[in-house]
Amino acid sequence: MAAAELVCLQTYSYSRHFVSMCVRVCGYESSPHGIDAEGHVATVAHCPVGGICSLRPGIQPKLAALRAFYEGKISVLCVPVAVGVGCRGRAE
């Protein structure tokens, strides 16, 4: 995931934990701009999202535009589960 341009996590504490683990486990450097993974900077942000936002009027055209923009690219979807946090890679 450090090769990504942007890594979004649901809460600020998740993003801080992700940065901390990248530094401690992978040995990457961190800066206010993100994680420096061997010369590539991946921005880490927290982006709170809700599951019901797709039901709001006007969201469907935006979702269609995002799907078209990211077609053929890989994204990673992390969802909270009962025991912890599970991550599943998903091709968009």
N, C-alpha and C. Protein backbone atom coordinates (compact mmCIF):
# COMPACT_ATOMS: atom_id res chain seq x y z
N MET A 1 0.81 -1.19 0.00
CA MET A 1 0.00 0.00 0.00
C MET A 1 0.85 1.25 0.00
N ALA A 2 2.11 1.15 0.37
CA ALA A 2 2.95 2.33 0.41
C ALA A 2 3.28 2.82 -1.00
N ALA A 3 3.02 2.02 -2.02
CA ALA A 3 3.24 2.47 -3.40
C ALA A 3 2.06 3.28 -3.92
N ALA A 4 1.02 3.42 -3.11
CA ALA A 4 -0.16 4.19 -3.51
C ALA A 4 0.13 5.68 -3.42
N GLU A 5 -0.62 6.46 -4.16
CA GLU A 5 -0.52 7.92 -4.08
C GLU A 5 -1.19 8.42 -2.80
N LEU A 6 -2.32 7.79 -2.44
CA LEU A 6 -3.11 8.23 -1.29
C LEU A 6 -3.63 7.01 -0.55
N VAL A 7 -3.46 7.02 0.76
CA VAL A 7 -4.01 5.98 1.63
C VAL A 7 -5.01 6.66 2.56
N CYS A 8 -6.29 6.29 2.47
CA CYS A 8 -7.34 6.88 3.31
C CYS A 8 -7.81 5.85 4.32
N LEU A 9 -7.89 6.27 5.56
CA LEU A 9 -8.41 5.41 6.61
C LEU A 9 -9.58 6.14 7.28
N GLN A 10 -10.46 5.40 7.92
CA GLN A 10 -11.72 5.96 8.38
C GLN A 10 -11.58 6.96 9.52
N THR A 11 -10.63 6.78 10.41
CA THR A 11 -10.47 7.70 11.53
C THR A 11 -9.03 8.18 11.62
N TYR A 12 -8.84 9.28 12.34
CA TYR A 12 -7.50 9.83 12.53
C TYR A 12 -6.61 8.83 13.27
N SER A 13 -7.17 8.15 14.26
CA SER A 13 -6.35 7.20 15.02
C SER A 13 -5.92 6.03 14.15
N TYR A 14 -6.77 5.58 13.21
CA TYR A 14 -6.35 4.52 12.28
C TYR A 14 -5.21 5.00 11.40
N SER A 15 -5.28 6.25 10.93
CA SER A 15 -4.22 6.76 10.05
C SER A 15 -2.92 6.91 10.82
N ARG A 16 -2.96 7.37 12.07
CA ARG A 16 -1.74 7.47 12.88
C ARG A 16 -1.16 6.09 13.15
N HIS A 17 -2.02 5.11 13.43
CA HIS A 17 -1.55 3.75 13.67
C HIS A 17 -0.90 3.18 12.41
N PHE A 18 -1.49 3.44 11.24
CA PHE A 18 -0.93 2.96 9.98
C PHE A 18 0.45 3.55 9.75
N VAL A 19 0.59 4.86 9.97
CA VAL A 19 1.89 5.50 9.78
C VAL A 19 2.91 4.92 10.77
N SER A 20 2.49 4.76 12.02
CA SER A 20 3.37 4.20 13.04
C SER A 20 3.84 2.81 12.67
N MET A 21 2.94 1.98 12.17
CA MET A 21 3.33 0.62 11.79
C MET A 21 4.25 0.61 10.56
N CYS A 22 4.01 1.51 9.62
CA CYS A 22 4.90 1.59 8.45
C CYS A 22 6.32 1.96 8.87
N VAL A 23 6.43 2.85 9.86
CA VAL A 23 7.74 3.26 10.35
C VAL A 23 8.39 2.13 11.15
N ARG A 24 7.63 1.53 12.07
CA ARG A 24 8.20 0.52 12.96
C ARG A 24 8.44 -0.81 12.28
N VAL A 25 7.50 -1.26 11.47
CA VAL A 25 7.61 -2.60 10.87
C VAL A 25 8.40 -2.58 9.56
N CYS A 26 8.10 -1.61 8.70
CA CYS A 26 8.72 -1.58 7.38
C CYS A 26 10.00 -0.74 7.34
N GLY A 27 10.20 0.11 8.34
CA GLY A 27 11.39 0.94 8.37
C GLY A 27 11.32 2.16 7.47
N TYR A 28 10.11 2.54 7.04
CA TYR A 28 9.95 3.73 6.19
C TYR A 28 10.07 4.99 7.03
N GLU A 29 10.37 6.09 6.37
CA GLU A 29 10.41 7.39 7.03
C GLU A 29 9.03 8.03 6.90
N SER A 30 8.67 8.83 7.90
CA SER A 30 7.40 9.56 7.80
C SER A 30 7.68 11.05 7.88
N SER A 31 6.79 11.81 7.28
CA SER A 31 6.89 13.27 7.30
C SER A 31 5.47 13.82 7.35
N PRO A 32 5.31 15.13 7.50
CA PRO A 32 3.95 15.69 7.47
C PRO A 32 3.23 15.44 6.15
N HIS A 33 3.99 15.13 5.10
CA HIS A 33 3.39 14.89 3.79
C HIS A 33 2.94 13.44 3.61
N GLY A 34 3.41 12.53 4.45
CA GLY A 34 3.02 11.13 4.35
C GLY A 34 4.17 10.20 4.67
N ILE A 35 4.18 9.05 4.02
CA ILE A 35 5.21 8.03 4.23
C ILE A 35 6.15 8.03 3.05
N ASP A 36 7.45 8.09 3.34
CA ASP A 36 8.45 8.02 2.28
C ASP A 36 8.89 6.56 2.16
N ALA A 37 8.38 5.89 1.15
CA ALA A 37 8.68 4.48 0.92
C ALA A 37 9.70 4.37 -0.20
N GLU A 38 10.96 4.41 0.18
CA GLU A 38 12.07 4.27 -0.77
C GLU A 38 11.98 5.27 -1.91
N GLY A 39 11.76 6.54 -1.57
CA GLY A 39 11.73 7.60 -2.57
C GLY A 39 10.34 7.98 -3.06
N HIS A 40 9.35 7.19 -2.76
CA HIS A 40 7.96 7.50 -3.16
C HIS A 40 7.18 7.92 -1.93
N VAL A 41 6.54 9.09 -1.99
CA VAL A 41 5.76 9.58 -0.85
C VAL A 41 4.29 9.22 -1.05
N ALA A 42 3.77 8.46 -0.10
CA ALA A 42 2.34 8.10 -0.09
C ALA A 42 1.67 8.96 0.97
N THR A 43 0.69 9.75 0.55
CA THR A 43 -0.05 10.59 1.47
C THR A 43 -1.02 9.74 2.28
N VAL A 44 -1.07 9.97 3.59
CA VAL A 44 -1.98 9.24 4.47
C VAL A 44 -2.99 10.24 5.02
N ALA A 45 -4.27 9.94 4.86
CA ALA A 45 -5.32 10.84 5.31
C ALA A 45 -6.40 10.06 6.02
N HIS A 46 -7.22 10.77 6.77
CA HIS A 46 -8.40 10.12 7.35
C HIS A 46 -9.62 10.70 6.64
N CYS A 47 -10.45 9.79 6.17
CA CYS A 47 -11.61 10.15 5.36
C CYS A 47 -12.83 9.42 5.92
N PRO A 48 -13.53 10.02 6.88
CA PRO A 48 -14.70 9.33 7.43
C PRO A 48 -15.78 9.17 6.36
N VAL A 49 -16.30 7.97 6.25
CA VAL A 49 -17.33 7.68 5.26
C VAL A 49 -18.47 6.95 5.94
N GLY A 50 -19.63 7.00 5.33
CA GLY A 50 -20.78 6.28 5.85
C GLY A 50 -21.37 5.40 4.78
N GLY A 51 -21.96 4.31 5.18
CA GLY A 51 -22.53 3.37 4.23
C GLY A 51 -23.80 3.85 3.56
N ILE A 52 -24.53 4.74 4.20
CA ILE A 52 -25.80 5.17 3.64
C ILE A 52 -25.68 6.43 2.78
N CYS A 53 -24.47 6.95 2.61
CA CYS A 53 -24.34 8.18 1.83
C CYS A 53 -24.71 7.94 0.36
N SER A 54 -24.63 6.70 -0.12
CA SER A 54 -24.97 6.43 -1.52
C SER A 54 -26.47 6.57 -1.78
N LEU A 55 -27.27 6.65 -0.72
CA LEU A 55 -28.71 6.80 -0.90
C LEU A 55 -29.13 8.25 -1.05
N ARG A 56 -28.23 9.18 -0.79
CA ARG A 56 -28.57 10.60 -0.91
C ARG A 56 -28.74 10.99 -2.37
N PRO A 57 -29.61 11.95 -2.65
CA PRO A 57 -29.79 12.40 -4.04
C PRO A 57 -28.51 13.06 -4.54
N GLY A 58 -28.16 12.80 -5.78
CA GLY A 58 -26.98 13.41 -6.39
C GLY A 58 -25.69 12.64 -6.20
N ILE A 59 -25.70 11.60 -5.36
CA ILE A 59 -24.48 10.83 -5.10
C ILE A 59 -24.21 9.83 -6.23
N GLN A 60 -25.26 9.24 -6.79
CA GLN A 60 -25.07 8.21 -7.82
C GLN A 60 -24.26 8.72 -9.03
N PRO A 61 -24.50 9.93 -9.56
CA PRO A 61 -23.66 10.40 -10.67
C PRO A 61 -22.20 10.56 -10.27
N LYS A 62 -21.94 10.99 -9.04
CA LYS A 62 -20.57 11.13 -8.55
C LYS A 62 -19.90 9.77 -8.42
N LEU A 63 -20.66 8.78 -7.91
CA LEU A 63 -20.11 7.42 -7.80
C LEU A 63 -19.80 6.85 -9.18
N ALA A 64 -20.67 7.09 -10.15
CA ALA A 64 -20.43 6.62 -11.51
C ALA A 64 -19.18 7.25 -12.10
N ALA A 65 -18.98 8.55 -11.84
CA ALA A 65 -17.79 9.23 -12.34
C ALA A 65 -16.53 8.67 -11.69
N LEU A 66 -16.58 8.39 -10.38
CA LEU A 66 -15.43 7.80 -9.70
C LEU A 66 -15.13 6.40 -10.22
N ARG A 67 -16.17 5.61 -10.44
CA ARG A 67 -15.96 4.25 -10.98
C ARG A 67 -15.31 4.32 -12.36
N ALA A 68 -15.75 5.25 -13.19
CA ALA A 68 -15.16 5.40 -14.52
C ALA A 68 -13.72 5.86 -14.43
N PHE A 69 -13.44 6.79 -13.51
CA PHE A 69 -12.09 7.33 -13.36
C PHE A 69 -11.11 6.25 -12.90
N TYR A 70 -11.55 5.41 -11.96
CA TYR A 70 -10.67 4.39 -11.39
C TYR A 70 -10.81 3.03 -12.06
N GLU A 71 -11.48 2.95 -13.19
CA GLU A 71 -11.64 1.68 -13.88
C GLU A 71 -10.28 1.11 -14.28
N GLY A 72 -10.08 -0.16 -13.99
CA GLY A 72 -8.82 -0.82 -14.31
C GLY A 72 -7.75 -0.63 -13.26
N LYS A 73 -8.02 0.13 -12.22
CA LYS A 73 -7.06 0.34 -11.14
C LYS A 73 -7.46 -0.51 -9.95
N ILE A 74 -6.54 -0.72 -9.04
CA ILE A 74 -6.79 -1.52 -7.85
C ILE A 74 -6.98 -0.60 -6.66
N SER A 75 -7.97 -0.90 -5.85
CA SER A 75 -8.15 -0.17 -4.60
C SER A 75 -8.28 -1.19 -3.48
N VAL A 76 -8.04 -0.75 -2.26
CA VAL A 76 -8.15 -1.63 -1.11
C VAL A 76 -9.27 -1.11 -0.23
N LEU A 77 -10.16 -1.98 0.12
CA LEU A 77 -11.30 -1.63 0.95
C LEU A 77 -11.12 -2.26 2.32
N CYS A 78 -11.09 -1.45 3.37
CA CYS A 78 -10.98 -1.96 4.74
C CYS A 78 -12.30 -1.72 5.45
N VAL A 79 -12.81 -2.76 6.05
CA VAL A 79 -14.08 -2.65 6.75
C VAL A 79 -13.93 -3.17 8.17
N PRO A 80 -14.56 -2.50 9.15
CA PRO A 80 -14.50 -3.03 10.51
C PRO A 80 -15.31 -4.32 10.62
N VAL A 81 -14.78 -5.28 11.34
CA VAL A 81 -15.49 -6.53 11.61
C VAL A 81 -15.61 -6.69 13.12
N ALA A 82 -16.34 -7.69 13.55
CA ALA A 82 -16.63 -7.84 14.98
C ALA A 82 -15.37 -8.00 15.83
N VAL A 83 -14.36 -8.69 15.34
CA VAL A 83 -13.19 -8.98 16.16
C VAL A 83 -12.10 -7.93 16.01
N GLY A 84 -12.02 -7.27 14.88
CA GLY A 84 -10.96 -6.29 14.66
C GLY A 84 -11.19 -5.56 13.37
N VAL A 85 -10.14 -5.33 12.64
CA VAL A 85 -10.27 -4.66 11.35
C VAL A 85 -9.80 -5.62 10.28
N GLY A 86 -10.64 -5.88 9.30
CA GLY A 86 -10.27 -6.79 8.22
C GLY A 86 -10.08 -5.99 6.95
N CYS A 87 -9.08 -6.33 6.18
CA CYS A 87 -8.82 -5.62 4.91
C CYS A 87 -8.95 -6.62 3.76
N ARG A 88 -9.65 -6.18 2.74
CA ARG A 88 -9.81 -7.03 1.56
C ARG A 88 -9.46 -6.19 0.35
N GLY A 89 -8.56 -6.69 -0.49
CA GLY A 89 -8.25 -6.00 -1.74
C GLY A 89 -9.38 -6.22 -2.73
N ARG A 90 -9.71 -5.21 -3.48
CA ARG A 90 -10.83 -5.34 -4.40
C ARG A 90 -10.51 -4.56 -5.67
N ALA A 91 -10.60 -5.20 -6.79
CA ALA A 91 -10.39 -4.51 -8.07
C ALA A 91 -11.63 -3.71 -8.41
N GLU A 92 -11.44 -2.46 -8.75
CA GLU A 92 -12.57 -1.59 -9.13
C GLU A 92 -12.72 -1.62 -10.63
